[in-house]
Amino acid sequence: MPHTPTVPTPRSAHIWIWFALDAFLALFPPVYWVAARPKPTLFGLPCSIVYFGSLGIFITASLLAAYRDDERRGAFKSPVSAGSALPLSVPENMP
């Protein structure tokens, strides 16, 4: 495919490990069940609410880190050839 950018280096192993940890924490029910006990509270909130709030922040941080890693590797740079550039002026016969 001519418009698909190629990335010269693979994604960092740290990012893949972070994604695996995200999936484990978000999808493995016993972790939630331990945090869902009704009595313990952190900052006046039930532990399950703190768990899901911090998990959301953790997953968002991993996505932002992956985006920065992609930028560092040049994944968003795409070469533009002179033949595929759009015209800079509007033709005179167009309204």
C-alpha atoms as a PDB file:
ATOM      1  CA  MET A   1       0.000   0.000   0.000  1.00  0.00           C
ATOM      2  CA  PRO A   2       1.569   3.281  -1.032  1.00  0.00           C
ATOM      3  CA  HIS A   3       0.075   5.467   1.724  1.00  0.00           C
ATOM      4  CA  THR A   4       0.812   3.191   4.672  1.00  0.00           C
ATOM      5  CA  PRO A   5       3.731   4.550   6.694  1.00  0.00           C
ATOM      6  CA  THR A   6       6.370   2.081   7.735  1.00  0.00           C
ATOM      7  CA  VAL A   7       7.833   2.309  11.201  1.00  0.00           C
ATOM      8  CA  PRO A   8      11.539   1.474  11.336  1.00  0.00           C
ATOM      9  CA  THR A   9      11.607   0.275  14.957  1.00  0.00           C
ATOM     10  CA  PRO A  10       9.174  -1.909  16.901  1.00  0.00           C
ATOM     11  CA  ARG A  11       7.152  -0.663  19.833  1.00  0.00           C
ATOM     12  CA  SER A  12       8.991  -0.613  23.153  1.00  0.00           C
ATOM     13  CA  ALA A  13       8.691  -3.742  25.301  1.00  0.00           C
ATOM     14  CA  HIS A  14       7.778  -1.532  28.253  1.00  0.00           C
ATOM     15  CA  ILE A  15       4.643  -0.397  26.434  1.00  0.00           C
ATOM     16  CA  TRP A  16       3.580  -3.989  25.666  1.00  0.00           C
ATOM     17  CA  ILE A  17       4.114  -4.991  29.305  1.00  0.00           C
ATOM     18  CA  TRP A  18       2.108  -1.951  30.423  1.00  0.00           C
ATOM     19  CA  PHE A  19      -0.758  -2.932  28.058  1.00  0.00           C
ATOM     20  CA  ALA A  20      -0.703  -6.505  29.411  1.00  0.00           C
ATOM     21  CA  LEU A  21      -0.900  -5.166  32.966  1.00  0.00           C
ATOM     22  CA  ASP A  22      -3.796  -2.907  31.922  1.00  0.00           C
ATOM     23  CA  ALA A  23      -5.691  -5.897  30.532  1.00  0.00           C
ATOM     24  CA  PHE A  24      -4.985  -7.990  33.613  1.00  0.00           C
ATOM     25  CA  LEU A  25      -6.127  -5.313  36.057  1.00  0.00           C
ATOM     26  CA  ALA A  26      -9.208  -4.393  34.024  1.00  0.00           C
ATOM     27  CA  LEU A  27     -10.416  -7.892  33.141  1.00  0.00           C
ATOM     28  CA  PHE A  28      -9.394 -10.144  36.029  1.00  0.00           C
ATOM     29  CA  PRO A  29     -12.373 -10.223  38.453  1.00  0.00           C
ATOM     30  CA  PRO A  30     -10.613 -11.331  41.664  1.00  0.00           C
ATOM     31  CA  VAL A  31      -8.650  -8.084  41.748  1.00  0.00           C
ATOM     32  CA  TYR A  32     -11.932  -6.166  41.716  1.00  0.00           C
ATOM     33  CA  TRP A  33     -13.526  -8.521  44.241  1.00  0.00           C
ATOM     34  CA  VAL A  34     -10.712  -7.840  46.715  1.00  0.00           C
ATOM     35  CA  ALA A  35     -11.184  -4.094  46.269  1.00  0.00           C
ATOM     36  CA  ALA A  36     -14.993  -4.286  46.415  1.00  0.00           C
ATOM     37  CA  ARG A  37     -15.308  -4.990  50.114  1.00  0.00           C
ATOM     38  CA  PRO A  38     -17.887  -2.631  51.626  1.00  0.00           C
ATOM     39  CA  LYS A  39     -16.072  -1.605  54.822  1.00  0.00           C
ATOM     40  CA  PRO A  40     -12.638  -0.318  53.743  1.00  0.00           C
ATOM     41  CA  THR A  41     -12.548   3.205  52.422  1.00  0.00           C
ATOM     42  CA  LEU A  42      -9.829   5.374  50.934  1.00  0.00           C
ATOM     43  CA  PHE A  43     -10.312   9.136  51.068  1.00  0.00           C
ATOM     44  CA  GLY A  44     -13.891   8.527  52.202  1.00  0.00           C
ATOM     45  CA  LEU A  45     -14.764   6.470  49.108  1.00  0.00           C
ATOM     46  CA  PRO A  46     -15.279   2.716  48.819  1.00  0.00           C
ATOM     47  CA  CYS A  47     -12.174   0.905  47.594  1.00  0.00           C
ATOM     48  CA  SER A  48     -13.929  -0.280  44.432  1.00  0.00           C
ATOM     49  CA  ILE A  49     -14.555   3.320  43.333  1.00  0.00           C
ATOM     50  CA  VAL A  50     -10.935   4.233  44.014  1.00  0.00           C
ATOM     51  CA  TYR A  51      -9.864   1.062  42.141  1.00  0.00           C
ATOM     52  CA  PHE A  52     -11.819   1.918  38.985  1.00  0.00           C
ATOM     53  CA  GLY A  53     -10.811   5.583  39.089  1.00  0.00           C
ATOM     54  CA  SER A  54      -7.126   4.784  39.444  1.00  0.00           C
ATOM     55  CA  LEU A  55      -7.414   2.035  36.809  1.00  0.00           C
ATOM     56  CA  GLY A  56      -8.898   4.540  34.368  1.00  0.00           C
ATOM     57  CA  ILE A  57      -6.012   6.935  35.004  1.00  0.00           C
ATOM     58  CA  PHE A  58      -3.510   4.063  34.644  1.00  0.00           C
ATOM     59  CA  ILE A  59      -4.977   2.935  31.287  1.00  0.00           C
ATOM     60  CA  THR A  60      -5.145   6.515  29.993  1.00  0.00           C
ATOM     61  CA  ALA A  61      -1.499   7.034  30.943  1.00  0.00           C
ATOM     62  CA  SER A  62      -0.513   3.876  29.048  1.00  0.00           C
ATOM     63  CA  LEU A  63      -2.308   5.089  25.910  1.00  0.00           C
ATOM     64  CA  LEU A  64      -0.573   8.462  26.146  1.00  0.00           C
ATOM     65  CA  ALA A  65       2.789   6.732  26.647  1.00  0.00           C
ATOM     66  CA  ALA A  66       2.151   4.546  23.580  1.00  0.00           C
ATOM     67  CA  TYR A  67       1.263   7.638  21.545  1.00  0.00           C
ATOM     68  CA  ARG A  68       4.483   9.364  22.597  1.00  0.00           C
ATOM     69  CA  ASP A  69       6.422   6.192  21.763  1.00  0.00           C
ATOM     70  CA  ASP A  70       4.830   6.140  18.303  1.00  0.00           C
ATOM     71  CA  GLU A  71       5.767   9.795  17.784  1.00  0.00           C
ATOM     72  CA  ARG A  72       9.340   9.086  18.874  1.00  0.00           C
ATOM     73  CA  ARG A  73       9.573   6.198  16.407  1.00  0.00           C
ATOM     74  CA  GLY A  74       8.200   8.317  13.558  1.00  0.00           C
ATOM     75  CA  ALA A  75       4.957   6.404  13.057  1.00  0.00           C
ATOM     76  CA  PHE A  76       2.997   9.531  12.106  1.00  0.00           C
ATOM     77  CA  LYS A  77       5.390  10.811   9.465  1.00  0.00           C
ATOM     78  CA  SER A  78       4.248  10.015   5.967  1.00  0.00           C
ATOM     79  CA  PRO A  79       6.170  11.016   2.874  1.00  0.00           C
ATOM     80  CA  VAL A  80       4.325  13.333   0.503  1.00  0.00           C
ATOM     81  CA  SER A  81       5.255  13.188  -3.157  1.00  0.00           C
ATOM     82  CA  ALA A  82       4.953  16.210  -5.429  1.00  0.00           C
ATOM     83  CA  GLY A  83       2.386  14.473  -7.625  1.00  0.00           C
ATOM     84  CA  SER A  84      -0.065  13.862  -4.786  1.00  0.00           C
ATOM     85  CA  ALA A  85      -0.088  17.412  -3.414  1.00  0.00           C
ATOM     86  CA  LEU A  86      -3.333  19.358  -3.558  1.00  0.00           C
ATOM     87  CA  PRO A  87      -3.489  22.504  -5.714  1.00  0.00           C
ATOM     88  CA  LEU A  88      -2.778  25.685  -3.806  1.00  0.00           C
ATOM     89  CA  SER A  89      -5.105  27.870  -5.868  1.00  0.00           C
ATOM     90  CA  VAL A  90      -8.726  27.509  -6.937  1.00  0.00           C
ATOM     91  CA  PRO A  91      -9.267  27.342 -10.703  1.00  0.00           C
ATOM     92  CA  GLU A  92     -10.880  30.469 -12.136  1.00  0.00           C
ATOM     93  CA  ASN A  93     -13.938  28.680 -13.538  1.00  0.00           C
ATOM     94  CA  MET A  94     -14.976  27.440 -10.065  1.00  0.00           C
ATOM     95  CA  PRO A  95     -17.497  29.560  -8.141  1.00  0.00           C
END
